[in-house]
Amino acid sequence: MWLYNGKEFTSEMIGDNVGFVYVITNNTDGKMYIGKKQFHSKTKLPPLKGKKRKRIVIKESDWMSYYGSSELVKELVESQGCDAFKREILHLCTSKGEMSYLELIEQVERKVLLSDDYYNSIIQVRIHRSHVKNLK
């Protein structure tokens, strides 16, 4: 279960949002992981017979069961169980650029690479000014 502002977040609440920035907290030792996740995924299918254009299928991603991209966090979830972790949505985002920017801000402000309180081991982002124009 994902929490947003202290309440359970469901698929019906997605609205126009593209994704979210989150924090996953290990209840046993208090260590955290900051990341981002999209609500939907795109898949390209081959064109139909006689057509040239590829087909794009958009479906809901695995965000409900997602525990981050960190291999360490995934291993801990497998060994300790899902109940040992708290998943919270920090920011709902209306674009991928906004999502990347807000993830970066959270990671830098919390000093995730300098602190032993976080599982994060890398910060990797590429953002253009036009990606964050809605945040001004």
C-alpha atoms as a PDB file:
ATOM      1  CA  MET A   1       0.000   0.000   0.000  1.00  0.00           C
ATOM      2  CA  TRP A   2       1.215   3.486  -0.885  1.00  0.00           C
ATOM      3  CA  LEU A   3       0.469   6.414   1.422  1.00  0.00           C
ATOM      4  CA  TYR A   4      -0.013  10.005   0.272  1.00  0.00           C
ATOM      5  CA  ASN A   5      -0.511  12.695   2.922  1.00  0.00           C
ATOM      6  CA  GLY A   6      -1.092   9.937   5.467  1.00  0.00           C
ATOM      7  CA  LYS A   7      -3.890   8.248   3.496  1.00  0.00           C
ATOM      8  CA  GLU A   8      -3.922   5.216   1.214  1.00  0.00           C
ATOM      9  CA  PHE A   9      -3.370   6.099  -2.468  1.00  0.00           C
ATOM     10  CA  THR A  10      -5.321   4.112  -5.087  1.00  0.00           C
ATOM     11  CA  SER A  11      -5.512   3.918  -8.895  1.00  0.00           C
ATOM     12  CA  GLU A  12      -8.669   6.050  -8.886  1.00  0.00           C
ATOM     13  CA  MET A  13      -6.659   8.960  -7.453  1.00  0.00           C
ATOM     14  CA  ILE A  14      -4.078   9.130 -10.291  1.00  0.00           C
ATOM     15  CA  GLY A  15      -5.967  11.722 -12.346  1.00  0.00           C
ATOM     16  CA  ASP A  16      -3.709  13.649 -14.783  1.00  0.00           C
ATOM     17  CA  ASN A  17      -0.517  12.704 -12.949  1.00  0.00           C
ATOM     18  CA  VAL A  18       2.249  10.885 -14.847  1.00  0.00           C
ATOM     19  CA  GLY A  19       4.075   9.524 -11.820  1.00  0.00           C
ATOM     20  CA  PHE A  20       5.388  10.251  -8.357  1.00  0.00           C
ATOM     21  CA  VAL A  21       8.468  10.703  -6.188  1.00  0.00           C
ATOM     22  CA  TYR A  22       8.538   8.389  -3.194  1.00  0.00           C
ATOM     23  CA  VAL A  23      10.368   7.338  -0.055  1.00  0.00           C
ATOM     24  CA  ILE A  24      10.491   3.731   1.122  1.00  0.00           C
ATOM     25  CA  THR A  25      11.382   3.308   4.798  1.00  0.00           C
ATOM     26  CA  ASN A  26      12.622   0.104   6.406  1.00  0.00           C
ATOM     27  CA  ASN A  27      10.699  -0.141   9.686  1.00  0.00           C
ATOM     28  CA  THR A  28      13.379  -2.318  11.324  1.00  0.00           C
ATOM     29  CA  ASP A  29      16.396  -0.011  10.947  1.00  0.00           C
ATOM     30  CA  GLY A  30      14.861   3.276   9.722  1.00  0.00           C
ATOM     31  CA  LYS A  31      16.931   3.391   6.511  1.00  0.00           C
ATOM     32  CA  MET A  32      15.229   4.968   3.485  1.00  0.00           C
ATOM     33  CA  TYR A  33      15.280   4.943  -0.317  1.00  0.00           C
ATOM     34  CA  ILE A  34      14.229   7.913  -2.492  1.00  0.00           C
ATOM     35  CA  GLY A  35      13.040   7.243  -6.044  1.00  0.00           C
ATOM     36  CA  LYS A  36      10.443   7.922  -8.727  1.00  0.00           C
ATOM     37  CA  LYS A  37       7.894   5.777 -10.556  1.00  0.00           C
ATOM     38  CA  GLN A  38       5.537   6.271 -13.496  1.00  0.00           C
ATOM     39  CA  PHE A  39       1.879   5.265 -13.279  1.00  0.00           C
ATOM     40  CA  HIS A  40       1.713   4.013 -16.877  1.00  0.00           C
ATOM     41  CA  SER A  41       4.011   2.178 -19.270  1.00  0.00           C
ATOM     42  CA  LYS A  42       4.135   2.260 -23.072  1.00  0.00           C
ATOM     43  CA  THR A  43       4.744  -0.814 -25.203  1.00  0.00           C
ATOM     44  CA  LYS A  44       5.354  -0.715 -28.954  1.00  0.00           C
ATOM     45  CA  LEU A  45       3.779  -3.535 -30.938  1.00  0.00           C
ATOM     46  CA  PRO A  46       4.520  -4.415 -34.545  1.00  0.00           C
ATOM     47  CA  PRO A  47       2.201  -2.884 -37.155  1.00  0.00           C
ATOM     48  CA  LEU A  48      -0.935  -4.700 -38.215  1.00  0.00           C
ATOM     49  CA  LYS A  49      -0.803  -6.613 -41.494  1.00  0.00           C
ATOM     50  CA  GLY A  50      -0.674  -4.189 -44.404  1.00  0.00           C
ATOM     51  CA  LYS A  51       0.156  -1.208 -42.164  1.00  0.00           C
ATOM     52  CA  LYS A  52       3.490   0.541 -41.550  1.00  0.00           C
ATOM     53  CA  ARG A  53       2.969   2.377 -38.277  1.00  0.00           C
ATOM     54  CA  LYS A  54       3.830   0.607 -35.023  1.00  0.00           C
ATOM     55  CA  ARG A  55       1.076   0.360 -32.446  1.00  0.00           C
ATOM     56  CA  ILE A  56       1.540   1.852 -28.988  1.00  0.00           C
ATOM     57  CA  VAL A  57      -0.238   0.275 -26.031  1.00  0.00           C
ATOM     58  CA  ILE A  58      -0.448   2.261 -22.802  1.00  0.00           C
ATOM     59  CA  LYS A  59      -1.257   0.327 -19.644  1.00  0.00           C
ATOM     60  CA  GLU A  60      -0.937   0.830 -15.909  1.00  0.00           C
ATOM     61  CA  SER A  61       2.561   0.023 -14.649  1.00  0.00           C
ATOM     62  CA  ASP A  62       3.453  -2.183 -11.690  1.00  0.00           C
ATOM     63  CA  TRP A  63       3.510   0.822  -9.338  1.00  0.00           C
ATOM     64  CA  MET A  64       1.201  -0.830  -6.792  1.00  0.00           C
ATOM     65  CA  SER A  65       3.701  -3.645  -6.101  1.00  0.00           C
ATOM     66  CA  TYR A  66       6.877  -1.581  -6.738  1.00  0.00           C
ATOM     67  CA  TYR A  67       9.652  -1.401  -4.138  1.00  0.00           C
ATOM     68  CA  GLY A  68      12.279   0.589  -6.029  1.00  0.00           C
ATOM     69  CA  SER A  69      15.019  -0.161  -8.521  1.00  0.00           C
ATOM     70  CA  SER A  70      17.701  -0.776  -5.889  1.00  0.00           C
ATOM     71  CA  GLU A  71      18.787  -4.420  -5.851  1.00  0.00           C
ATOM     72  CA  LEU A  72      19.610  -4.132  -2.136  1.00  0.00           C
ATOM     73  CA  VAL A  73      16.106  -2.877  -1.298  1.00  0.00           C
ATOM     74  CA  LYS A  74      14.522  -5.632  -3.419  1.00  0.00           C
ATOM     75  CA  GLU A  75      16.581  -8.272  -1.588  1.00  0.00           C
ATOM     76  CA  LEU A  76      15.588  -6.821   1.794  1.00  0.00           C
ATOM     77  CA  VAL A  77      11.903  -6.801   0.829  1.00  0.00           C
ATOM     78  CA  GLU A  78      12.203 -10.449  -0.202  1.00  0.00           C
ATOM     79  CA  SER A  79      13.981 -11.499   3.010  1.00  0.00           C
ATOM     80  CA  GLN A  80      12.097  -9.300   5.512  1.00  0.00           C
ATOM     81  CA  GLY A  81       8.707  -9.192   3.800  1.00  0.00           C
ATOM     82  CA  CYS A  82       6.595  -6.306   2.523  1.00  0.00           C
ATOM     83  CA  ASP A  83       5.239  -5.490   5.978  1.00  0.00           C
ATOM     84  CA  ALA A  84       8.723  -4.409   7.118  1.00  0.00           C
ATOM     85  CA  PHE A  85       8.585  -1.406   4.755  1.00  0.00           C
ATOM     86  CA  LYS A  86       6.514   1.778   4.621  1.00  0.00           C
ATOM     87  CA  ARG A  87       5.953   3.336   1.171  1.00  0.00           C
ATOM     88  CA  GLU A  88       5.050   7.011   0.955  1.00  0.00           C
ATOM     89  CA  ILE A  89       4.403   9.276  -2.027  1.00  0.00           C
ATOM     90  CA  LEU A  90       6.146  12.611  -1.521  1.00  0.00           C
ATOM     91  CA  HIS A  91       5.151  14.375  -4.770  1.00  0.00           C
ATOM     92  CA  LEU A  92       2.599  13.659  -7.505  1.00  0.00           C
ATOM     93  CA  CYS A  93       3.985  14.836 -10.858  1.00  0.00           C
ATOM     94  CA  THR A  94       2.322  15.906 -14.113  1.00  0.00           C
ATOM     95  CA  SER A  95       5.379  15.266 -16.337  1.00  0.00           C
ATOM     96  CA  LYS A  96       8.455  13.027 -16.463  1.00  0.00           C
ATOM     97  CA  GLY A  97      10.765  16.052 -16.264  1.00  0.00           C
ATOM     98  CA  GLU A  98       9.005  17.343 -13.172  1.00  0.00           C
ATOM     99  CA  MET A  99       9.299  13.869 -11.641  1.00  0.00           C
ATOM    100  CA  SER A 100      13.068  13.711 -12.322  1.00  0.00           C
ATOM    101  CA  TYR A 101      13.620  17.215 -10.972  1.00  0.00           C
ATOM    102  CA  LEU A 102      11.707  16.645  -7.741  1.00  0.00           C
ATOM    103  CA  GLU A 103      13.480  13.310  -7.202  1.00  0.00           C
ATOM    104  CA  LEU A 104      16.831  15.095  -7.600  1.00  0.00           C
ATOM    105  CA  ILE A 105      15.798  17.855  -5.171  1.00  0.00           C
ATOM    106  CA  GLU A 106      14.739  15.291  -2.536  1.00  0.00           C
ATOM    107  CA  GLN A 107      17.968  13.309  -2.962  1.00  0.00           C
ATOM    108  CA  VAL A 108      20.244  16.368  -2.769  1.00  0.00           C
ATOM    109  CA  GLU A 109      18.427  18.066   0.126  1.00  0.00           C
ATOM    110  CA  ARG A 110      18.462  14.829   2.129  1.00  0.00           C
ATOM    111  CA  LYS A 111      22.143  14.202   1.197  1.00  0.00           C
ATOM    112  CA  VAL A 112      21.361  10.570   0.350  1.00  0.00           C
ATOM    113  CA  LEU A 113      24.867   9.796  -0.950  1.00  0.00           C
ATOM    114  CA  LEU A 114      26.579  11.221   2.148  1.00  0.00           C
ATOM    115  CA  SER A 115      24.327   9.673   4.780  1.00  0.00           C
ATOM    116  CA  ASP A 116      24.212   6.102   6.028  1.00  0.00           C
ATOM    117  CA  ASP A 117      20.458   6.577   6.596  1.00  0.00           C
ATOM    118  CA  TYR A 118      19.729   5.953   2.892  1.00  0.00           C
ATOM    119  CA  TYR A 119      20.050   2.970   0.545  1.00  0.00           C
ATOM    120  CA  ASN A 120      20.582   5.241  -2.491  1.00  0.00           C
ATOM    121  CA  SER A 121      24.000   4.729  -4.065  1.00  0.00           C
ATOM    122  CA  ILE A 122      23.690   6.808  -7.245  1.00  0.00           C
ATOM    123  CA  ILE A 123      22.043  10.019  -8.435  1.00  0.00           C
ATOM    124  CA  GLN A 124      21.577  10.102 -12.171  1.00  0.00           C
ATOM    125  CA  VAL A 125      19.459  12.715 -13.905  1.00  0.00           C
ATOM    126  CA  ARG A 126      19.251  14.730 -17.098  1.00  0.00           C
ATOM    127  CA  ILE A 127      16.810  17.649 -17.031  1.00  0.00           C
ATOM    128  CA  HIS A 128      16.216  20.554 -19.382  1.00  0.00           C
ATOM    129  CA  ARG A 129      14.728  23.897 -18.358  1.00  0.00           C
ATOM    130  CA  SER A 130      11.618  23.197 -20.446  1.00  0.00           C
ATOM    131  CA  HIS A 131      10.939  20.017 -18.411  1.00  0.00           C
ATOM    132  CA  VAL A 132      10.257  22.024 -15.250  1.00  0.00           C
ATOM    133  CA  LYS A 133       8.426  25.067 -16.633  1.00  0.00           C
ATOM    134  CA  ASN A 134       5.226  24.072 -14.751  1.00  0.00           C
ATOM    135  CA  LEU A 135       7.007  24.248 -11.389  1.00  0.00           C
ATOM    136  CA  LYS A 136       7.678  28.018 -11.581  1.00  0.00           C
END
